[in-house]
Protein backbone atom coordinates (compact mmCIF):
# COMPACT_ATOMS: atom_id res chain seq x y z
CA MET A 1 0.00 0.00 0.00
CA ILE A 2 1.40 3.42 -0.99
CA LEU A 3 0.90 6.07 1.66
CA PRO A 4 0.08 9.67 0.65
CA ALA A 5 3.21 11.75 0.23
CA GLU A 6 2.24 14.19 2.96
CA LEU A 7 2.28 11.35 5.48
CA ILE A 8 5.85 10.33 4.70
CA PRO A 9 8.23 13.29 5.01
CA ASN A 10 11.80 11.98 4.62
CA GLY A 11 10.45 8.45 4.61
CA LYS A 12 8.95 8.69 8.09
CA LYS A 13 5.24 8.43 8.79
CA ILE A 14 3.75 11.24 10.85
CA ILE A 15 2.19 9.97 14.09
CA PRO A 16 -0.63 12.26 15.24
CA GLN A 17 -0.01 13.68 18.70
CA PRO A 18 -2.63 12.93 21.39
CA LYS A 19 -4.89 15.89 22.08
CA CYS A 20 -7.07 17.04 24.93
CA GLU A 21 -10.74 16.17 24.30
CA LEU A 22 -13.23 17.88 26.59
CA LEU A 23 -16.09 15.68 25.37
CA GLY A 24 -14.17 12.41 25.54
CA PRO A 25 -14.95 9.73 28.17
CA VAL A 26 -12.49 11.15 30.70
CA GLY A 27 -13.78 14.67 30.14
CA LEU A 28 -17.42 13.70 30.72
CA ILE A 29 -16.62 11.76 33.91
CA VAL A 30 -14.53 14.62 35.28
CA GLN A 31 -17.25 17.16 34.48
CA SER A 32 -19.79 15.07 36.42
CA CYS A 33 -17.45 14.99 39.43
CA LEU A 34 -17.04 18.77 39.22
CA GLY A 35 -20.81 19.26 39.35
CA LEU A 36 -21.10 17.14 42.51
CA ILE A 37 -18.23 19.00 44.18
CA ALA A 38 -19.75 22.38 43.30
CA CYS A 39 -23.08 21.39 44.88
CA GLY A 40 -21.28 20.04 47.94
CA SER A 41 -19.34 23.26 48.46
CA LEU A 42 -22.58 25.26 48.64
CA VAL A 43 -24.10 22.77 51.11
CA VAL A 44 -21.03 23.19 53.33
CA LYS A 45 -21.30 26.98 53.04
CA ARG A 46 -24.92 26.86 54.28
CA LYS A 47 -23.87 24.74 57.26
CA TYR A 48 -21.62 27.51 58.54
CA GLU A 49 -23.66 30.57 57.58
CA HIS A 50 -25.46 32.65 60.21
CA PRO A 51 -28.36 33.08 60.11
CA LYS A 52 -29.15 29.96 58.12
CA ARG A 53 -31.51 30.31 55.19
CA PRO A 54 -34.55 28.00 55.12
CA TRP A 55 -33.92 25.04 52.81
CA GLU A 56 -36.46 26.28 50.26
CA VAL A 57 -34.85 29.73 50.09
CA TRP A 58 -31.39 28.15 49.97
CA PHE A 59 -32.51 25.91 47.09
CA PHE A 60 -33.85 28.89 45.13
CA ASP A 61 -30.59 30.82 45.67
CA VAL A 62 -28.31 27.90 44.85
CA SER A 63 -30.29 26.71 41.82
CA LYS A 64 -29.96 30.17 40.27
CA GLN A 65 -26.21 30.01 40.64
CA LEU A 66 -25.87 26.38 39.53
CA LEU A 67 -28.02 26.94 36.44
CA GLY A 68 -25.93 30.00 35.64
CA ALA A 69 -22.74 27.99 36.16
CA ALA A 70 -24.07 25.19 33.94
CA GLY A 71 -24.88 27.74 31.24
CA VAL A 72 -21.39 29.24 31.49
CA HIS A 73 -19.83 25.77 31.38
CA LEU A 74 -21.73 24.88 28.20
CA LEU A 75 -20.79 28.20 26.62
CA ASN A 76 -17.14 27.64 27.55
CA LEU A 77 -17.26 24.17 26.00
CA ALA A 78 -18.81 25.58 22.82
CA VAL A 79 -16.24 28.40 22.60
CA SER A 80 -13.35 25.99 23.27
CA LEU A 81 -14.48 23.55 20.60
CA LEU A 82 -15.21 26.26 18.02
CA LYS A 83 -11.96 28.15 18.64
CA SER A 84 -9.78 25.04 18.46
CA ARG A 85 -11.59 23.70 15.35
CA LYS A 86 -11.33 27.10 13.66
CA LEU A 87 -7.61 27.31 14.38
CA MET A 88 -7.06 23.77 13.10
CA LEU A 89 -8.98 24.55 9.90
CA VAL A 90 -7.00 27.74 9.32
CA ASN A 91 -3.72 25.85 9.76
CA LYS A 92 -4.80 23.19 7.25
CA LEU A 93 -5.85 25.81 4.70
CA ASP A 94 -2.51 27.56 5.18
CA GLY A 95 -0.64 24.29 4.72
CA GLU A 96 0.71 24.25 8.28
CA GLY A 97 -0.30 20.70 9.19
CA ASP A 98 -2.96 19.62 11.66
CA GLY A 99 -2.29 22.31 14.25
CA ASP A 100 0.04 20.35 16.55
CA GLY A 101 1.62 22.74 19.02
CA GLU A 102 -1.21 25.27 18.67
CA PRO A 103 -3.69 26.07 21.49
CA GLY A 104 -6.27 23.28 21.80
CA GLU A 105 -9.60 22.71 23.51
CA CYS A 106 -8.12 22.65 27.02
CA ASP A 107 -6.18 25.86 26.47
CA TRP A 108 -9.30 27.74 25.37
CA TYR A 109 -11.38 26.27 28.20
CA PHE A 110 -8.76 27.17 30.79
CA VAL A 111 -8.47 30.79 29.66
CA SER A 112 -12.29 31.12 29.59
CA LEU A 113 -12.49 29.70 33.12
CA LEU A 114 -9.71 31.98 34.35
CA LEU A 115 -11.43 35.09 32.99
CA ASP A 116 -14.85 33.97 34.31
CA THR A 117 -13.58 33.52 37.87
CA THR A 118 -11.49 36.70 38.04
CA VAL A 119 -12.61 39.69 35.98
CA GLY A 120 -15.89 37.89 35.31
CA VAL A 121 -17.12 38.38 38.90
CA PRO A 122 -17.08 42.22 38.90
CA ILE A 123 -18.36 42.19 35.30
CA LEU A 124 -21.28 40.00 36.42
CA TYR A 125 -22.05 42.41 39.26
CA VAL A 126 -22.11 45.37 36.84
CA CYS A 127 -24.36 43.39 34.49
CA LEU A 128 -26.75 42.69 37.36
CA VAL A 129 -26.84 46.41 38.19
CA ILE A 130 -27.72 47.20 34.56
CA VAL A 131 -30.43 44.53 34.35
CA TYR A 132 -32.00 45.60 37.66
CA PHE A 133 -31.95 49.22 36.49
CA ILE A 134 -33.82 48.26 33.31
CA CYS A 135 -36.34 46.22 35.31
CA ASP A 136 -36.84 49.19 37.62
CA LEU A 137 -37.62 51.41 34.60
CA PHE A 138 -40.37 48.97 33.60
CA GLN A 139 -41.53 48.69 37.23
CA VAL A 140 -41.07 44.93 37.44
CA GLN A 141 -42.03 43.74 40.94
CA GLY A 142 -40.70 40.91 43.11
CA ILE A 143 -37.15 40.94 41.76
CA ASN A 144 -35.11 41.79 44.89
CA SER A 145 -32.42 39.11 44.93
CA GLY A 146 -33.04 36.50 47.64
CA GLU A 147 -36.55 37.75 48.46
CA TYR A 148 -39.18 35.18 47.46
CA GLY A 149 -42.02 36.16 49.80
CA ASN A 150 -43.48 34.30 52.75
CA PRO A 151 -44.06 31.54 51.90
CA PRO A 152 -41.48 31.55 49.05
CA ARG A 153 -43.16 31.98 45.67
CA PHE A 154 -41.96 30.24 42.54
CA LYS A 155 -43.00 33.20 40.35
CA ARG A 156 -40.56 35.51 42.13
CA TYR A 157 -37.84 32.89 41.90
CA LEU A 158 -38.45 32.56 38.15
CA LYS A 159 -38.14 36.33 37.64
CA GLN A 160 -34.87 36.43 39.55
CA LEU A 161 -33.58 33.40 37.66
CA VAL A 162 -34.24 35.08 34.31
CA ILE A 163 -32.50 38.27 35.51
CA PHE A 164 -29.49 36.29 36.69
CA MET A 165 -29.23 34.29 33.45
CA VAL A 166 -29.47 37.47 31.36
CA ALA A 167 -26.66 39.02 33.43
CA VAL A 168 -24.54 35.87 33.04
CA THR A 169 -25.07 35.94 29.27
CA MET A 170 -24.00 39.60 29.16
CA MET A 171 -20.90 38.76 31.21
CA LYS A 172 -19.98 35.93 28.82
CA ALA A 173 -20.36 38.29 25.85
CA VAL A 174 -17.78 40.60 27.42
CA ILE A 175 -15.47 37.65 28.17
CA TYR A 176 -15.78 36.48 24.57
CA VAL A 177 -14.55 39.90 23.41
CA LEU A 178 -11.59 39.62 25.80
CA LEU A 179 -10.71 36.23 24.28
CA SER A 180 -9.92 38.01 21.01
CA PHE A 181 -6.76 39.41 22.64
CA PRO A 182 -3.93 36.90 21.92
CA ILE A 183 -2.18 37.53 25.24
CA PHE A 184 -4.76 35.47 27.15
CA ILE A 185 -4.56 32.31 25.04
CA MET A 186 -0.76 32.62 24.89
CA TYR A 187 -0.70 32.66 28.70
CA ALA A 188 -3.00 29.62 28.92
CA ASP A 189 -0.90 27.73 26.36
CA TRP A 190 2.24 28.52 28.34
CA ILE A 191 0.72 27.37 31.64
CA LEU A 192 -0.51 24.05 30.19
CA SER A 193 2.30 23.32 27.71
CA TRP A 194 4.07 20.89 30.06
CA SER A 195 0.99 18.63 30.14
CA ASP A 196 0.46 18.48 26.35
CA PRO A 197 1.89 14.92 26.09
CA PHE A 198 -0.67 13.74 28.69
CA PRO A 199 -4.12 14.73 27.33
CA ASN A 200 -6.14 12.91 30.02
CA LEU A 201 -4.14 14.60 32.78
CA GLN A 202 -4.71 17.92 31.03
CA VAL A 203 -8.46 17.32 30.99
CA ILE A 204 -8.42 16.56 34.74
CA LEU A 205 -6.42 19.71 35.45
CA VAL A 206 -8.57 21.98 33.30
CA VAL A 207 -12.02 20.56 34.05
CA LEU A 208 -11.57 19.50 37.70
CA VAL A 209 -8.48 20.76 39.55
CA PHE A 210 -8.43 24.37 38.34
CA PRO A 211 -12.23 24.77 38.53
CA ILE A 212 -12.24 23.49 42.13
CA MET A 213 -9.68 26.13 43.09
CA LEU A 214 -11.26 28.95 41.08
CA ASN A 215 -15.00 28.15 41.05
CA CYS A 216 -15.37 27.54 44.79
CA PHE A 217 -14.12 31.07 45.44
CA GLN A 218 -16.38 32.41 42.68
CA TYR A 219 -19.43 30.51 44.02
CA TYR A 220 -18.80 31.88 47.52
CA ILE A 221 -18.66 35.49 46.29
CA VAL A 222 -21.63 35.19 43.91
CA ASP A 223 -23.73 33.42 46.55
CA ASN A 224 -23.17 36.37 48.87
CA ILE A 225 -24.41 38.68 46.11
CA ILE A 226 -27.63 36.82 45.37
CA LYS A 227 -28.61 35.26 48.72
CA SER A 228 -30.18 38.32 50.35
CA PRO A 229 -31.72 41.68 49.43
CA THR A 230 -29.09 43.84 47.74
CA ASP A 231 -29.02 47.43 46.67
CA LEU A 232 -28.44 46.61 43.02
CA LYS A 233 -31.26 48.73 41.63
């Protein structure tokens, strides 16, 4: 069998390098573990808070944050996959091979996570201020964060959930603009370059280890923002 010429430079067959796959078996298992740890961290936080929120109020508060986090996670996955595929396609069209050595899925996910959990927190707060201001202009009632009535009403929770998700989407739009600056992906690629030969380890680092360190802090701060009445309007 005659192999294509591009596969045999100087008589040696090119062996594709292993790559990080966020949606591979390891990636999916690790993402499930991250979800359980995130929920557990918020349960522990409630245990030590004073005064303790009733379980129903706590569930409303936490579900807003977890649904927002799930939305951000899915958006980060989509951005990571699209960015890495786009870069690979550009390299092929330019005749630069299959993109080995270029930022991959894990690099893009890591830089998105890093921005979300650092500059993303104050950006989210500003977005909440803007959304609450708009709601105030239209005289929308029952939207004070953490106030669901007595007994807690699902309608109020739903309004606050929509407001929070809109603010999260606005925050991600700003983060996406920041991703256009090469310095961020270059930094992520530099941080993770040592683990490139070990794609499964890279997935664990990017989807589990780093999120545990960064997200738990983010969840703690955001939970303090949304758990009780705030002067966001």
